[in-house]
Amino acid sequence: MKKHIDELEVHKRFYNQIFDTLKAEPYAQFLGIELVELGEGTATAEVEVKDHMLNTHNTVHGAITFAIADYVFAAACNSYGKTSVGLSTTVNFIAAGQPGSKLRATATEEKRNHRTSWYNIRVESDGEMIAKMEAIAYRKNHYFVPVEEMDGD
């Protein structure tokens, strides 16, 4: 019989390893996105808008807004140490981010089960909401932290 794994316990016990793994995501590092908070099914990140992140209209490029939203989605759905991947995202761009601003994105888990989890993500530019995303993740069987160490508990 397969052993039940308490994901809240995994999050607590392996928090530092989970945080460090998610913080080191290569594309987020390339863009300068910083993971600032990681909770159980939640994540918050920030990035300083640089000139190369602007579009022709001198506002934040939609790809940058999407990237930080997608990053916190990934961090939130992987926050239990269980490998999770995106299935679907829907983003609504509400306002333009401004040059020199700080983008802040927050993901909140709405529900999760064994195979699927649902998230709402909010992106702000200096406190003004500029985008909202709804996202769904597929939760694999694999854990990227050593849950087998929990066998004796």
N, C-alpha and C. Protein backbone atom coordinates (compact mmCIF):
# COMPACT_ATOMS: atom_id res chain seq x y z
N MET A 1 0.83 -1.19 0.00
CA MET A 1 0.00 0.00 0.00
C MET A 1 0.88 1.26 0.00
N LYS A 2 0.49 2.22 -0.76
CA LYS A 2 1.26 3.46 -0.89
C LYS A 2 1.07 4.32 0.36
N LYS A 3 2.18 4.84 0.86
CA LYS A 3 2.16 5.66 2.06
C LYS A 3 1.60 7.06 1.75
N HIS A 4 0.74 7.56 2.63
CA HIS A 4 0.23 8.92 2.49
C HIS A 4 1.32 9.91 2.91
N ILE A 5 1.52 10.92 2.09
CA ILE A 5 2.51 11.96 2.39
C ILE A 5 1.79 13.22 2.78
N ASP A 6 2.11 13.73 3.95
CA ASP A 6 1.51 14.98 4.45
C ASP A 6 2.26 16.15 3.81
N GLU A 7 1.63 16.78 2.83
CA GLU A 7 2.30 17.84 2.07
C GLU A 7 2.60 19.08 2.92
N LEU A 8 1.78 19.36 3.91
CA LEU A 8 2.08 20.50 4.79
C LEU A 8 3.34 20.22 5.59
N GLU A 9 3.50 18.97 6.01
CA GLU A 9 4.72 18.57 6.72
C GLU A 9 5.93 18.63 5.80
N VAL A 10 5.75 18.22 4.54
CA VAL A 10 6.85 18.31 3.56
C VAL A 10 7.27 19.77 3.40
N HIS A 11 6.28 20.66 3.24
CA HIS A 11 6.58 22.08 3.09
C HIS A 11 7.39 22.60 4.28
N LYS A 12 6.97 22.24 5.48
CA LYS A 12 7.66 22.72 6.70
C LYS A 12 9.06 22.12 6.84
N ARG A 13 9.14 20.81 6.69
CA ARG A 13 10.40 20.12 6.93
C ARG A 13 11.47 20.49 5.90
N PHE A 14 11.06 20.64 4.64
CA PHE A 14 12.03 20.89 3.56
C PHE A 14 11.94 22.32 3.04
N TYR A 15 11.40 23.22 3.84
CA TYR A 15 11.16 24.60 3.38
C TYR A 15 12.40 25.22 2.75
N ASN A 16 13.53 25.17 3.42
CA ASN A 16 14.73 25.84 2.90
C ASN A 16 15.16 25.26 1.56
N GLN A 17 15.11 23.94 1.43
CA GLN A 17 15.49 23.30 0.16
C GLN A 17 14.50 23.68 -0.94
N ILE A 18 13.20 23.67 -0.63
CA ILE A 18 12.18 24.05 -1.61
C ILE A 18 12.39 25.50 -2.04
N PHE A 19 12.54 26.40 -1.06
CA PHE A 19 12.73 27.82 -1.35
C PHE A 19 13.96 28.03 -2.23
N ASP A 20 15.08 27.42 -1.84
CA ASP A 20 16.33 27.60 -2.60
C ASP A 20 16.21 27.07 -4.03
N THR A 21 15.53 25.93 -4.19
CA THR A 21 15.34 25.36 -5.52
C THR A 21 14.52 26.29 -6.40
N LEU A 22 13.41 26.81 -5.86
CA LEU A 22 12.54 27.68 -6.64
C LEU A 22 13.17 29.05 -6.89
N LYS A 23 13.92 29.54 -5.92
CA LYS A 23 14.61 30.83 -6.06
C LYS A 23 15.65 30.79 -7.18
N ALA A 24 16.24 29.62 -7.41
CA ALA A 24 17.31 29.47 -8.40
C ALA A 24 16.79 29.22 -9.81
N GLU A 25 15.52 29.37 -10.06
CA GLU A 25 14.95 29.13 -11.39
C GLU A 25 15.70 29.99 -12.42
N PRO A 26 16.29 29.38 -13.44
CA PRO A 26 17.18 30.11 -14.35
C PRO A 26 16.56 31.30 -15.06
N TYR A 27 15.37 31.18 -15.60
CA TYR A 27 14.79 32.30 -16.34
C TYR A 27 14.46 33.47 -15.41
N ALA A 28 13.95 33.16 -14.23
CA ALA A 28 13.68 34.22 -13.24
C ALA A 28 14.98 34.93 -12.87
N GLN A 29 16.05 34.16 -12.70
CA GLN A 29 17.35 34.75 -12.38
C GLN A 29 17.81 35.67 -13.52
N PHE A 30 17.64 35.22 -14.75
CA PHE A 30 18.02 36.00 -15.92
C PHE A 30 17.29 37.34 -15.95
N LEU A 31 16.00 37.33 -15.60
CA LEU A 31 15.20 38.56 -15.62
C LEU A 31 15.40 39.42 -14.37
N GLY A 32 16.02 38.87 -13.34
CA GLY A 32 16.21 39.61 -12.09
C GLY A 32 15.01 39.49 -11.16
N ILE A 33 14.17 38.49 -11.37
CA ILE A 33 13.00 38.28 -10.50
C ILE A 33 13.48 37.66 -9.19
N GLU A 34 13.02 38.22 -8.09
CA GLU A 34 13.42 37.79 -6.76
C GLU A 34 12.23 37.17 -6.03
N LEU A 35 12.36 35.93 -5.60
CA LEU A 35 11.34 35.29 -4.77
C LEU A 35 11.44 35.86 -3.37
N VAL A 36 10.39 36.52 -2.89
CA VAL A 36 10.46 37.18 -1.59
C VAL A 36 9.64 36.47 -0.51
N GLU A 37 8.64 35.69 -0.89
CA GLU A 37 7.84 34.95 0.08
C GLU A 37 7.40 33.64 -0.54
N LEU A 38 7.39 32.59 0.27
CA LEU A 38 6.89 31.29 -0.16
C LEU A 38 6.13 30.66 0.99
N GLY A 39 4.86 30.43 0.78
CA GLY A 39 4.03 29.79 1.80
C GLY A 39 3.49 28.49 1.27
N GLU A 40 2.55 27.92 1.97
CA GLU A 40 1.89 26.69 1.55
C GLU A 40 0.90 27.04 0.45
N GLY A 41 1.30 26.83 -0.80
CA GLY A 41 0.46 27.15 -1.93
C GLY A 41 0.43 28.63 -2.29
N THR A 42 1.37 29.40 -1.77
CA THR A 42 1.43 30.83 -2.08
C THR A 42 2.87 31.22 -2.41
N ALA A 43 3.00 32.31 -3.15
CA ALA A 43 4.33 32.84 -3.46
C ALA A 43 4.21 34.30 -3.86
N THR A 44 5.25 35.06 -3.54
CA THR A 44 5.34 36.46 -3.93
C THR A 44 6.75 36.71 -4.47
N ALA A 45 6.82 37.47 -5.56
CA ALA A 45 8.10 37.82 -6.17
C ALA A 45 8.07 39.26 -6.63
N GLU A 46 9.25 39.83 -6.81
CA GLU A 46 9.39 41.21 -7.27
C GLU A 46 10.48 41.30 -8.32
N VAL A 47 10.35 42.33 -9.16
CA VAL A 47 11.39 42.62 -10.14
C VAL A 47 11.39 44.13 -10.39
N GLU A 48 12.58 44.69 -10.48
CA GLU A 48 12.74 46.09 -10.85
C GLU A 48 12.69 46.19 -12.36
N VAL A 49 11.84 47.05 -12.89
CA VAL A 49 11.70 47.21 -14.33
C VAL A 49 12.90 47.99 -14.88
N LYS A 50 13.59 47.36 -15.81
CA LYS A 50 14.74 47.97 -16.48
C LYS A 50 14.33 48.39 -17.89
N ASP A 51 15.12 49.25 -18.51
CA ASP A 51 14.80 49.76 -19.84
C ASP A 51 14.60 48.66 -20.88
N HIS A 52 15.36 47.56 -20.79
CA HIS A 52 15.24 46.48 -21.77
C HIS A 52 13.95 45.67 -21.57
N MET A 53 13.17 45.97 -20.55
CA MET A 53 11.89 45.29 -20.28
C MET A 53 10.70 46.08 -20.81
N LEU A 54 10.97 47.16 -21.52
CA LEU A 54 9.90 48.02 -22.03
C LEU A 54 9.56 47.67 -23.47
N ASN A 55 8.35 48.04 -23.87
CA ASN A 55 7.93 47.83 -25.26
C ASN A 55 8.07 49.13 -26.04
N THR A 56 7.59 49.14 -27.26
CA THR A 56 7.67 50.31 -28.14
C THR A 56 6.98 51.53 -27.56
N HIS A 57 5.98 51.32 -26.71
CA HIS A 57 5.20 52.42 -26.13
C HIS A 57 5.76 52.90 -24.80
N ASN A 58 6.97 52.43 -24.44
CA ASN A 58 7.65 52.82 -23.21
C ASN A 58 6.89 52.40 -21.96
N THR A 59 6.23 51.25 -22.03
CA THR A 59 5.60 50.64 -20.86
C THR A 59 6.13 49.21 -20.73
N VAL A 60 5.87 48.58 -19.60
CA VAL A 60 6.39 47.23 -19.36
C VAL A 60 5.83 46.26 -20.42
N HIS A 61 6.73 45.54 -21.04
CA HIS A 61 6.34 44.55 -22.06
C HIS A 61 5.47 43.47 -21.41
N GLY A 62 4.43 43.06 -22.12
CA GLY A 62 3.53 42.04 -21.60
C GLY A 62 4.24 40.74 -21.26
N ALA A 63 5.32 40.43 -21.96
CA ALA A 63 6.07 39.21 -21.68
C ALA A 63 6.71 39.26 -20.29
N ILE A 64 7.10 40.43 -19.84
CA ILE A 64 7.67 40.58 -18.50
C ILE A 64 6.58 40.41 -17.46
N THR A 65 5.43 41.02 -17.69
CA THR A 65 4.30 40.87 -16.78
C THR A 65 3.90 39.41 -16.69
N PHE A 66 3.82 38.73 -17.85
CA PHE A 66 3.48 37.31 -17.84
C PHE A 66 4.55 36.50 -17.12
N ALA A 67 5.81 36.83 -17.35
CA ALA A 67 6.91 36.04 -16.78
C ALA A 67 6.87 36.05 -15.25
N ILE A 68 6.63 37.21 -14.64
CA ILE A 68 6.61 37.23 -13.17
C ILE A 68 5.36 36.54 -12.64
N ALA A 69 4.24 36.66 -13.37
CA ALA A 69 3.02 35.96 -12.96
C ALA A 69 3.23 34.45 -13.05
N ASP A 70 3.82 34.01 -14.14
CA ASP A 70 4.08 32.58 -14.34
C ASP A 70 5.07 32.05 -13.30
N TYR A 71 6.04 32.86 -12.94
CA TYR A 71 7.04 32.45 -11.95
C TYR A 71 6.40 32.22 -10.58
N VAL A 72 5.55 33.14 -10.12
CA VAL A 72 4.94 32.92 -8.80
C VAL A 72 3.94 31.77 -8.84
N PHE A 73 3.30 31.57 -9.99
CA PHE A 73 2.44 30.40 -10.17
C PHE A 73 3.27 29.13 -9.98
N ALA A 74 4.41 29.05 -10.65
CA ALA A 74 5.28 27.88 -10.54
C ALA A 74 5.76 27.68 -9.11
N ALA A 75 6.15 28.76 -8.46
CA ALA A 75 6.64 28.65 -7.08
C ALA A 75 5.53 28.17 -6.14
N ALA A 76 4.33 28.73 -6.29
CA ALA A 76 3.22 28.35 -5.42
C ALA A 76 2.84 26.89 -5.61
N CYS A 77 2.74 26.44 -6.86
CA CYS A 77 2.29 25.06 -7.08
C CYS A 77 3.38 24.04 -6.76
N ASN A 78 4.63 24.45 -6.69
CA ASN A 78 5.71 23.55 -6.30
C ASN A 78 6.10 23.71 -4.83
N SER A 79 5.38 24.52 -4.08
CA SER A 79 5.75 24.85 -2.70
C SER A 79 5.65 23.68 -1.72
N TYR A 80 5.03 22.59 -2.14
CA TYR A 80 4.93 21.41 -1.29
C TYR A 80 6.04 20.40 -1.60
N GLY A 81 6.96 20.77 -2.47
CA GLY A 81 8.05 19.87 -2.83
C GLY A 81 7.65 18.83 -3.85
N LYS A 82 6.42 18.89 -4.33
CA LYS A 82 5.91 17.94 -5.33
C LYS A 82 6.02 18.60 -6.70
N THR A 83 6.64 17.90 -7.65
CA THR A 83 6.82 18.45 -8.99
C THR A 83 5.47 18.73 -9.63
N SER A 84 5.27 19.99 -9.98
CA SER A 84 4.02 20.43 -10.60
C SER A 84 4.36 21.27 -11.82
N VAL A 85 3.54 21.13 -12.86
CA VAL A 85 3.77 21.86 -14.10
C VAL A 85 2.48 22.54 -14.54
N GLY A 86 2.60 23.62 -15.27
CA GLY A 86 1.43 24.36 -15.72
C GLY A 86 0.65 23.59 -16.78
N LEU A 87 -0.67 23.61 -16.63
CA LEU A 87 -1.58 23.06 -17.64
C LEU A 87 -2.22 24.16 -18.45
N SER A 88 -2.58 25.24 -17.76
CA SER A 88 -3.33 26.30 -18.43
C SER A 88 -3.17 27.61 -17.65
N THR A 89 -3.08 28.70 -18.40
CA THR A 89 -3.10 30.03 -17.78
C THR A 89 -3.97 30.94 -18.63
N THR A 90 -4.65 31.83 -17.96
CA THR A 90 -5.40 32.90 -18.62
C THR A 90 -4.99 34.19 -17.94
N VAL A 91 -4.47 35.11 -18.72
CA VAL A 91 -4.03 36.38 -18.14
C VAL A 91 -4.84 37.52 -18.74
N ASN A 92 -5.19 38.45 -17.88
CA ASN A 92 -5.86 39.68 -18.31
C ASN A 92 -4.93 40.84 -17.97
N PHE A 93 -4.55 41.59 -18.99
CA PHE A 93 -3.72 42.77 -18.80
C PHE A 93 -4.66 43.95 -18.56
N ILE A 94 -4.55 44.58 -17.41
CA ILE A 94 -5.50 45.59 -16.96
C ILE A 94 -4.97 47.01 -17.14
N ALA A 95 -3.69 47.18 -16.91
CA ALA A 95 -3.06 48.50 -17.04
C ALA A 95 -1.60 48.28 -17.42
N ALA A 96 -0.96 49.33 -17.86
CA ALA A 96 0.44 49.24 -18.26
C ALA A 96 1.36 49.48 -17.08
N GLY A 97 2.38 48.63 -16.96
CA GLY A 97 3.44 48.88 -15.99
C GLY A 97 4.34 49.99 -16.50
N GLN A 98 4.90 50.77 -15.60
CA GLN A 98 5.66 51.95 -15.98
C GLN A 98 7.17 51.75 -15.86
N PRO A 99 7.93 52.47 -16.67
CA PRO A 99 9.39 52.40 -16.60
C PRO A 99 9.87 52.75 -15.18
N GLY A 100 10.87 52.04 -14.73
CA GLY A 100 11.46 52.33 -13.42
C GLY A 100 10.63 51.84 -12.24
N SER A 101 9.51 51.19 -12.49
CA SER A 101 8.66 50.73 -11.39
C SER A 101 9.16 49.39 -10.86
N LYS A 102 8.55 48.94 -9.79
CA LYS A 102 8.79 47.60 -9.26
C LYS A 102 7.52 46.79 -9.48
N LEU A 103 7.67 45.65 -10.15
CA LEU A 103 6.55 44.73 -10.29
C LEU A 103 6.55 43.77 -9.11
N ARG A 104 5.37 43.50 -8.60
CA ARG A 104 5.20 42.55 -7.50
C ARG A 104 4.06 41.61 -7.89
N ALA A 105 4.32 40.32 -7.85
CA ALA A 105 3.31 39.33 -8.19
C ALA A 105 3.08 38.41 -7.00
N THR A 106 1.81 38.08 -6.78
CA THR A 106 1.44 37.19 -5.69
C THR A 106 0.51 36.11 -6.22
N ALA A 107 0.83 34.86 -5.91
CA ALA A 107 0.01 33.72 -6.29
C ALA A 107 -0.64 33.14 -5.04
N THR A 108 -1.91 32.80 -5.17
CA THR A 108 -2.67 32.20 -4.07
C THR A 108 -3.36 30.94 -4.57
N GLU A 109 -3.15 29.87 -3.86
CA GLU A 109 -3.81 28.61 -4.21
C GLU A 109 -5.28 28.68 -3.80
N GLU A 110 -6.14 28.34 -4.73
CA GLU A 110 -7.57 28.31 -4.45
C GLU A 110 -8.03 26.91 -4.04
N LYS A 111 -7.45 25.90 -4.67
CA LYS A 111 -7.80 24.50 -4.36
C LYS A 111 -6.73 23.60 -4.95
N ARG A 112 -6.54 22.46 -4.30
CA ARG A 112 -5.65 21.43 -4.87
C ARG A 112 -6.19 20.07 -4.49
N ASN A 113 -5.94 19.11 -5.37
CA ASN A 113 -6.22 17.72 -5.05
C ASN A 113 -4.99 16.91 -5.45
N HIS A 114 -5.14 15.62 -5.56
CA HIS A 114 -3.97 14.77 -5.83
C HIS A 114 -3.29 15.13 -7.15
N ARG A 115 -4.03 15.47 -8.19
CA ARG A 115 -3.46 15.68 -9.52
C ARG A 115 -3.51 17.11 -10.04
N THR A 116 -4.37 17.95 -9.49
CA THR A 116 -4.59 19.28 -10.07
C THR A 116 -4.63 20.32 -8.97
N SER A 117 -4.21 21.54 -9.30
CA SER A 117 -4.34 22.66 -8.36
C SER A 117 -4.64 23.93 -9.14
N TRP A 118 -5.37 24.85 -8.49
CA TRP A 118 -5.87 26.07 -9.12
C TRP A 118 -5.35 27.28 -8.37
N TYR A 119 -4.96 28.33 -9.12
CA TYR A 119 -4.32 29.52 -8.54
C TYR A 119 -4.87 30.81 -9.13
N ASN A 120 -4.88 31.83 -8.30
CA ASN A 120 -5.13 33.20 -8.74
C ASN A 120 -3.85 33.98 -8.51
N ILE A 121 -3.47 34.76 -9.51
CA ILE A 121 -2.24 35.53 -9.45
C ILE A 121 -2.57 36.99 -9.74
N ARG A 122 -1.95 37.87 -8.97
CA ARG A 122 -2.13 39.32 -9.11
C ARG A 122 -0.76 39.93 -9.35
N VAL A 123 -0.66 40.81 -10.36
CA VAL A 123 0.58 41.52 -10.65
C VAL A 123 0.32 43.01 -10.47
N GLU A 124 1.20 43.66 -9.70
CA GLU A 124 1.10 45.10 -9.45
C GLU A 124 2.37 45.80 -9.91
N SER A 125 2.20 47.05 -10.33
CA SER A 125 3.32 47.93 -10.67
C SER A 125 3.25 49.10 -9.71
N ASP A 126 4.20 49.16 -8.79
CA ASP A 126 4.21 50.18 -7.73
C ASP A 126 2.84 50.28 -7.05
N GLY A 127 2.26 49.13 -6.74
CA GLY A 127 1.01 49.09 -5.98
C GLY A 127 -0.27 49.12 -6.81
N GLU A 128 -0.17 49.42 -8.10
CA GLU A 128 -1.36 49.44 -8.96
C GLU A 128 -1.48 48.09 -9.67
N MET A 129 -2.67 47.47 -9.61
CA MET A 129 -2.86 46.20 -10.28
C MET A 129 -2.78 46.40 -11.79
N ILE A 130 -1.91 45.62 -12.44
CA ILE A 130 -1.77 45.72 -13.89
C ILE A 130 -2.18 44.43 -14.60
N ALA A 131 -2.27 43.31 -13.87
CA ALA A 131 -2.67 42.06 -14.50
C ALA A 131 -3.20 41.08 -13.47
N LYS A 132 -4.09 40.21 -13.95
CA LYS A 132 -4.61 39.09 -13.15
C LYS A 132 -4.47 37.83 -13.99
N MET A 133 -4.10 36.76 -13.35
CA MET A 133 -3.96 35.48 -14.04
C MET A 133 -4.70 34.40 -13.26
N GLU A 134 -5.35 33.51 -13.98
CA GLU A 134 -5.88 32.28 -13.41
C GLU A 134 -5.05 31.16 -14.00
N ALA A 135 -4.67 30.19 -13.16
CA ALA A 135 -3.76 29.15 -13.63
C ALA A 135 -4.12 27.80 -13.02
N ILE A 136 -3.85 26.75 -13.78
CA ILE A 136 -4.09 25.38 -13.35
C ILE A 136 -2.79 24.60 -13.52
N ALA A 137 -2.45 23.81 -12.50
CA ALA A 137 -1.24 23.00 -12.54
C ALA A 137 -1.57 21.52 -12.49
N TYR A 138 -0.72 20.74 -13.13
CA TYR A 138 -0.77 19.28 -13.04
C TYR A 138 0.29 18.85 -12.04
N ARG A 139 -0.10 18.02 -11.09
CA ARG A 139 0.78 17.59 -10.01
C ARG A 139 1.26 16.16 -10.29
N LYS A 140 2.54 16.01 -10.55
CA LYS A 140 3.11 14.70 -10.85
C LYS A 140 3.27 13.86 -9.58
N ASN A 141 3.69 12.62 -9.73
CA ASN A 141 3.94 11.75 -8.58
C ASN A 141 5.25 12.08 -7.88
N HIS A 142 6.18 12.67 -8.60
CA HIS A 142 7.54 12.91 -8.14
C HIS A 142 7.63 14.08 -7.15
N TYR A 143 8.44 13.90 -6.12
CA TYR A 143 8.81 14.99 -5.21
C TYR A 143 10.27 15.34 -5.50
N PHE A 144 10.60 16.63 -5.49
CA PHE A 144 11.98 17.03 -5.74
C PHE A 144 12.75 17.26 -4.44
N VAL A 145 12.16 16.86 -3.33
CA VAL A 145 12.83 16.83 -2.03
C VAL A 145 12.78 15.39 -1.54
N PRO A 146 13.68 14.99 -0.63
CA PRO A 146 13.77 13.58 -0.23
C PRO A 146 12.69 13.15 0.77
N VAL A 147 11.45 13.00 0.29
CA VAL A 147 10.34 12.62 1.18
C VAL A 147 10.53 11.22 1.77
N GLU A 148 11.38 10.42 1.15
CA GLU A 148 11.62 9.08 1.71
C GLU A 148 12.25 9.18 3.11
N GLU A 149 12.87 10.32 3.44
CA GLU A 149 13.42 10.54 4.79
C GLU A 149 12.32 10.61 5.84
N MET A 150 11.07 10.80 5.40
CA MET A 150 9.96 10.93 6.32
C MET A 150 9.36 9.58 6.71
N ASP A 151 9.87 8.48 6.14
CA ASP A 151 9.30 7.14 6.37
C ASP A 151 9.19 6.77 7.84
N GLY A 152 10.16 7.15 8.63
CA GLY A 152 10.14 6.76 10.03
C GLY A 152 9.26 7.60 10.91
N ASP A 153 8.62 8.62 10.37
CA ASP A 153 7.82 9.54 11.19
C ASP A 153 6.44 8.99 11.50
